[in-house]
Protein backbone atom coordinates (compact mmCIF):
# COMPACT_ATOMS: atom_id res chain seq x y z
CA MET A 1 0.00 0.00 0.00
CA GLY A 2 2.89 2.35 0.76
CA THR A 3 4.33 1.85 -2.71
CA ILE A 4 0.94 2.54 -4.28
CA PHE A 5 0.58 5.69 -2.18
CA ARG A 6 4.00 7.06 -3.14
CA HIS A 7 3.58 6.24 -6.82
CA THR A 8 0.12 7.82 -7.02
CA LEU A 9 1.28 10.93 -5.19
CA SER A 10 4.28 11.27 -7.50
CA ARG A 11 1.86 11.34 -10.45
CA MET A 12 -0.10 14.19 -8.85
CA TRP A 13 2.76 16.49 -7.82
CA ALA A 14 2.64 18.63 -10.98
CA GLN A 15 -1.08 19.33 -10.50
CA VAL A 16 -0.58 19.99 -6.79
CA LEU A 17 2.19 22.53 -7.42
CA GLY A 18 0.46 24.12 -10.41
CA TRP A 19 -2.90 24.64 -8.72
CA GLY A 20 -1.48 25.24 -5.25
CA LEU A 21 1.07 27.88 -6.21
CA SER A 22 -1.38 29.62 -8.55
CA PHE A 23 -4.00 29.95 -5.83
CA ALA A 24 -1.30 30.88 -3.31
CA ALA A 25 -0.31 33.84 -5.48
CA LEU A 26 -3.94 34.83 -5.99
CA GLY A 27 -4.61 34.50 -2.27
CA TRP A 28 -1.60 36.65 -1.40
CA PHE A 29 -2.76 39.40 -3.74
CA SER A 30 -6.36 39.23 -2.45
CA VAL A 31 -5.39 39.43 1.24
CA TRP A 32 -2.78 42.11 0.66
CA GLY A 33 -5.31 44.18 -1.30
CA TYR A 34 -7.55 44.61 1.74
CA GLY A 35 -5.15 47.22 3.08
CA ALA A 36 -5.84 49.47 0.12
CA LEU A 37 -9.59 48.86 0.33
CA ALA A 38 -9.87 49.41 4.08
CA GLY A 39 -9.37 53.15 3.77
CA GLN A 40 -11.97 53.51 1.03
CA THR A 41 -14.95 51.63 2.44
CA ALA A 42 -17.20 54.70 2.36
CA GLN A 43 -16.46 55.37 -1.30
CA MET A 44 -16.92 51.72 -2.20
CA ALA A 45 -20.24 51.58 -0.34
CA GLU A 46 -21.51 54.54 -2.36
CA LEU A 47 -20.34 52.92 -5.58
CA LEU A 48 -22.13 49.67 -4.77
CA LYS A 49 -25.41 51.54 -4.31
CA ALA A 50 -25.51 51.98 -8.09
CA TYR A 51 -25.84 48.20 -8.57
CA PRO A 52 -29.22 46.43 -8.39
CA PRO A 53 -29.71 44.81 -4.96
CA GLU A 54 -30.39 41.45 -6.64
CA VAL A 55 -26.98 41.47 -8.32
CA LEU A 56 -25.19 42.26 -5.07
CA ALA A 57 -27.18 39.64 -3.16
CA PHE A 58 -26.02 36.98 -5.63
CA PHE A 59 -22.43 37.54 -4.52
CA GLY A 60 -23.12 37.78 -0.79
CA SER A 61 -24.07 40.17 1.94
CA VAL A 62 -23.28 43.79 1.08
CA GLU A 63 -23.34 44.75 4.77
CA GLN A 64 -20.52 42.29 5.52
CA MET A 65 -18.56 42.76 2.33
CA PHE A 66 -16.05 45.06 4.02
CA THR A 67 -15.56 42.88 7.09
CA PRO A 68 -12.56 40.49 7.02
CA GLY A 69 -14.78 37.44 6.55
CA GLY A 70 -17.04 39.06 3.98
CA TYR A 71 -14.07 40.41 2.05
CA LEU A 72 -12.34 37.03 1.90
CA ASP A 73 -15.60 35.42 0.81
CA SER A 74 -16.46 37.84 -1.98
CA VAL A 75 -12.94 38.45 -3.31
CA PHE A 76 -11.31 35.04 -3.08
CA LEU A 77 -12.73 32.06 -1.20
CA SER A 78 -16.24 31.92 -2.64
CA TYR A 79 -15.14 31.13 -6.18
CA SER A 80 -12.02 29.28 -4.99
CA GLY A 81 -14.29 26.57 -3.62
CA LEU A 82 -15.84 26.18 -7.06
CA LEU A 83 -12.57 26.25 -9.02
CA LEU A 84 -10.62 24.00 -6.68
CA GLY A 85 -13.66 21.74 -6.68
CA VAL A 86 -12.95 21.18 -10.37
CA LEU A 87 -9.45 19.97 -9.45
CA ALA A 88 -10.92 17.61 -6.84
CA ILE A 89 -13.33 16.25 -9.45
CA LEU A 90 -10.55 15.68 -11.99
CA LEU A 91 -8.40 13.86 -9.44
CA GLY A 92 -11.27 11.82 -8.03
CA SER A 93 -12.77 10.77 -11.36
CA GLY A 94 -9.40 9.64 -12.72
CA LEU A 95 -8.08 7.98 -9.58
CA LEU A 96 -8.73 4.48 -10.91
CA VAL A 97 -10.68 4.81 -14.15
CA SER A 98 -7.95 6.71 -16.01
CA ASP A 99 -5.68 3.66 -15.73
CA GLU A 100 -8.57 1.39 -16.64
CA GLU A 101 -9.34 3.29 -19.82
CA ALA A 102 -5.63 3.28 -20.72
CA GLY A 103 -5.45 -0.49 -20.31
CA ARG A 104 -3.13 -0.43 -17.28
CA LEU A 105 -5.41 -1.21 -14.35
CA ASP A 106 -5.90 -4.87 -15.20
CA LEU A 107 -2.11 -5.29 -15.41
CA ILE A 108 -1.64 -3.55 -12.05
CA GLN A 109 -4.23 -5.80 -10.44
CA ALA A 110 -2.43 -8.84 -11.84
CA TYR A 111 0.25 -8.26 -9.19
CA PRO A 112 -0.29 -9.77 -5.71
CA VAL A 113 -2.07 -6.71 -4.33
CA SER A 114 -5.70 -6.67 -3.24
CA ARG A 115 -8.24 -4.28 -4.64
CA THR A 116 -8.73 -2.82 -1.18
CA ALA A 117 -5.01 -2.07 -0.80
CA LEU A 118 -4.87 -0.43 -4.23
CA PHE A 119 -7.99 1.61 -3.54
CA ALA A 120 -6.82 2.69 -0.07
CA GLY A 121 -3.35 3.68 -1.29
CA ARG A 122 -4.74 5.83 -4.06
CA VAL A 123 -7.39 7.46 -1.90
CA ALA A 124 -4.71 8.29 0.70
CA ALA A 125 -2.61 9.95 -2.00
CA LEU A 126 -5.67 11.92 -3.17
CA VAL A 127 -6.30 13.18 0.37
CA VAL A 128 -2.68 14.27 0.79
CA ALA A 129 -2.77 16.04 -2.59
CA LEU A 130 -5.89 18.00 -1.64
CA VAL A 131 -4.43 18.91 1.75
CA ALA A 132 -1.24 20.12 0.03
CA VAL A 133 -3.16 22.34 -2.42
CA VAL A 134 -5.24 23.86 0.39
CA ALA A 135 -2.14 24.33 2.57
CA LEU A 136 -0.28 26.13 -0.22
CA THR A 137 -3.29 28.38 -0.79
CA TRP A 138 -3.46 29.20 2.93
CA ALA A 139 0.29 29.89 3.00
CA GLY A 140 -0.09 32.39 0.17
CA CYS A 141 -2.88 34.18 2.02
CA ALA A 142 -0.79 34.15 5.22
CA LEU A 143 2.07 35.90 3.41
CA GLY A 144 -0.31 38.72 2.56
CA LEU A 145 -1.45 39.25 6.16
CA PRO A 146 1.34 41.66 7.25
CA GLY A 147 0.18 45.13 6.35
CA SER A 148 -3.19 43.93 5.07
CA ARG A 149 -5.15 45.47 8.00
CA LEU A 150 -7.43 42.43 8.10
CA GLY A 151 -6.89 42.21 11.84
CA ILE A 152 -6.95 38.41 12.09
CA GLY A 153 -4.28 35.89 13.06
CA LEU A 154 -2.93 32.84 11.27
CA GLY A 155 -5.21 30.53 13.25
CA ALA A 156 -8.36 32.42 12.31
CA LEU A 157 -7.19 32.57 8.70
CA ALA A 158 -6.81 28.78 8.66
CA LEU A 159 -10.46 28.11 9.60
CA PRO A 160 -11.94 28.92 6.16
CA PHE A 161 -9.47 26.51 4.61
CA VAL A 162 -10.64 23.70 6.88
CA SER A 163 -14.12 24.28 5.48
CA LEU A 164 -12.66 24.43 1.97
CA LEU A 165 -10.89 21.10 2.44
CA ALA A 166 -14.14 19.46 3.58
CA LEU A 167 -15.90 20.75 0.44
CA LEU A 168 -13.12 19.41 -1.80
CA ALA A 169 -13.28 16.02 -0.07
CA LEU A 170 -16.99 15.81 -0.88
CA ALA A 171 -16.40 16.79 -4.53
CA ALA A 172 -13.61 14.23 -4.92
CA GLY A 173 -15.71 11.50 -3.30
CA LEU A 174 -18.65 12.27 -5.57
CA ALA A 175 -16.47 12.10 -8.68
CA LEU A 176 -14.90 8.85 -7.50
CA VAL A 177 -18.19 7.04 -6.91
CA LEU A 178 -19.58 8.32 -10.22
CA SER A 179 -16.49 6.98 -12.01
CA MET A 180 -17.41 3.54 -10.67
CA ALA A 181 -21.03 3.83 -11.79
CA LEU A 182 -20.84 5.61 -15.15
CA PRO A 183 -19.30 4.28 -18.38
CA SER A 184 -16.36 6.71 -18.60
CA ARG A 185 -14.24 9.10 -16.62
CA SER A 186 -15.26 12.05 -18.80
CA LEU A 187 -18.94 11.42 -18.12
CA ALA A 188 -18.33 11.01 -14.39
CA ALA A 189 -16.35 14.27 -14.24
CA THR A 190 -19.02 16.08 -16.27
CA VAL A 191 -21.88 14.94 -14.03
CA ALA A 192 -19.92 15.79 -10.87
CA ALA A 193 -19.07 19.24 -12.26
CA ILE A 194 -22.72 19.87 -13.14
CA VAL A 195 -23.73 18.97 -9.58
CA LEU A 196 -21.05 21.28 -8.16
CA VAL A 197 -21.90 24.25 -10.39
CA ALA A 198 -25.65 23.75 -9.87
CA GLY A 199 -25.12 23.70 -6.11
CA TYR A 200 -23.11 26.93 -6.25
CA THR A 201 -25.70 28.63 -8.48
CA VAL A 202 -28.70 27.56 -6.43
CA ARG A 203 -27.06 28.66 -3.19
CA SER A 204 -26.31 32.08 -4.73
CA LEU A 205 -29.81 32.47 -6.21
CA ALA A 206 -31.36 31.59 -2.86
CA ARG A 207 -29.97 34.86 -1.54
CA VAL A 208 -32.14 36.64 -4.08
CA ASN A 209 -35.19 34.34 -4.13
CA ASP A 210 -36.34 32.99 -0.77
CA GLY A 211 -38.37 30.35 -2.59
CA LEU A 212 -35.14 28.49 -3.39
CA ALA A 213 -34.09 28.24 0.24
CA ALA A 214 -35.36 24.66 0.60
CA VAL A 215 -33.49 23.55 -2.54
CA ALA A 216 -30.36 25.40 -1.45
CA ARG A 217 -30.19 23.24 1.67
CA LEU A 218 -29.26 20.33 -0.59
CA SER A 219 -26.24 22.21 -1.94
CA PRO A 220 -22.84 21.51 -0.38
CA PHE A 221 -22.08 25.20 -0.77
CA ASN A 222 -24.83 25.93 1.72
CA TYR A 223 -22.53 24.40 4.36
CA PHE A 224 -19.28 25.85 3.04
CA GLN A 225 -18.56 28.84 5.29
CA SER A 226 -15.95 30.39 3.02
CA GLY A 227 -14.37 33.53 4.49
CA TYR A 228 -16.99 33.88 7.21
CA ALA A 229 -15.33 31.01 9.07
CA VAL A 230 -12.72 33.48 10.38
CA ASP A 231 -15.36 34.44 12.98
CA GLY A 232 -15.77 30.80 14.05
CA LEU A 233 -15.95 27.47 12.24
CA ASN A 234 -19.20 25.52 12.27
CA TRP A 235 -17.76 22.10 13.02
CA ALA A 236 -21.11 20.39 12.46
CA TRP A 237 -21.28 21.70 8.89
CA CYS A 238 -17.64 20.84 8.28
CA GLY A 239 -18.09 17.36 9.71
CA GLY A 240 -21.21 16.86 7.62
CA LEU A 241 -19.34 17.62 4.38
CA LEU A 242 -16.55 15.25 5.39
CA ALA A 243 -19.06 12.55 6.33
CA VAL A 244 -20.85 12.74 2.98
CA GLY A 245 -17.50 12.59 1.19
CA ALA A 246 -16.56 9.54 3.25
CA VAL A 247 -19.86 7.83 2.38
CA PHE A 248 -19.23 8.44 -1.33
CA THR A 249 -15.73 6.98 -0.96
CA VAL A 250 -17.00 3.86 0.82
CA LEU A 251 -19.63 3.36 -1.89
CA ALA A 252 -16.91 3.69 -4.53
CA TRP A 253 -14.81 1.07 -2.72
CA TRP A 254 -17.83 -1.25 -2.55
CA ALA A 255 -18.49 -0.81 -6.27
CA TYR A 256 -14.82 -1.33 -7.15
CA GLN A 257 -14.78 -4.66 -5.30
CA ARG A 258 -17.65 -5.96 -7.45
CA ARG A 259 -17.04 -4.56 -10.92
CA ASP A 260 -15.37 -6.25 -13.87
CA LEU A 261 -12.29 -4.35 -14.98
CA ARG A 262 -12.14 -3.26 -18.59
CA VAL A 263 -9.02 -4.09 -20.59
CA ALA A 264 -9.03 -0.64 -22.22
CA GLY A 265 -11.36 2.09 -23.44
CA GLU A 266 -14.64 3.41 -22.14
CA GLY A 267 -17.50 1.22 -20.99
CA SER A 268 -21.17 1.16 -21.85
CA TRP A 269 -24.46 1.52 -20.01
CA ARG A 270 -25.12 -2.26 -20.33
CA LEU A 271 -28.81 -1.66 -20.93
CA PRO A 272 -31.01 -4.44 -22.32
CA GLY A 273 -30.98 -4.48 -26.11
CA MET A 274 -27.88 -2.29 -26.52
CA ALA A 275 -25.58 -5.20 -27.36
CA ARG A 276 -28.00 -6.43 -30.07
CA GLY A 277 -28.26 -2.89 -31.41
CA ARG A 278 -24.51 -2.64 -31.81
């Protein structure tokens, strides 16, 4: 299992560094920019009055936009959860199926290693990769704290990233279980991305239309605290996201134990009559 873990992680290092350092630089610039904004809150408030209230509500609370938590949410962390969620989906959907479609997975499983050991080693590498990306992003934001006038410490700054990591774990778990159920990695990643984007959109629209509040409760973004976690992390919400991600991962493991591995290429829906049609 250790060999599988190290090999899988070595295949992910380029993506970890590319995404992690990019978001670290963006986080540094966003946090550092609060110092320039802090002295112009009155002017910015007047400028925002020209926008329709519905447009502003879509992006968050205008009253809290100039607080440290509201600023981090609106400027950086809100859309970071969506974009880094795409990375989690790509890693999760290809964790096993990418090798299967390339014709390598059946050869790997021919070695004396159980499916559970292979699955566990790769999932462990995925978790470490996501933690590394989130840690690099936090480190970039931390470098921007001196002189930013945000007025928060490193510990408080870390809390939103704990919530972010829980969201990414759910997205990766969803993509992984879909890759076991759907015919191809591309389809699994597409469906997972649609679910993620729909959840983000519904949660944002619920701020404008109260009638969507019930639907928004089904969105993982409804429990992602984003920058507002600097004022205190809701551990129940964070634990709930992690628990759902863990359930998806266990379901993926269960499905992997029982599925027939393809030699190469994408699969099919295996619906009655499809074989005769082909």
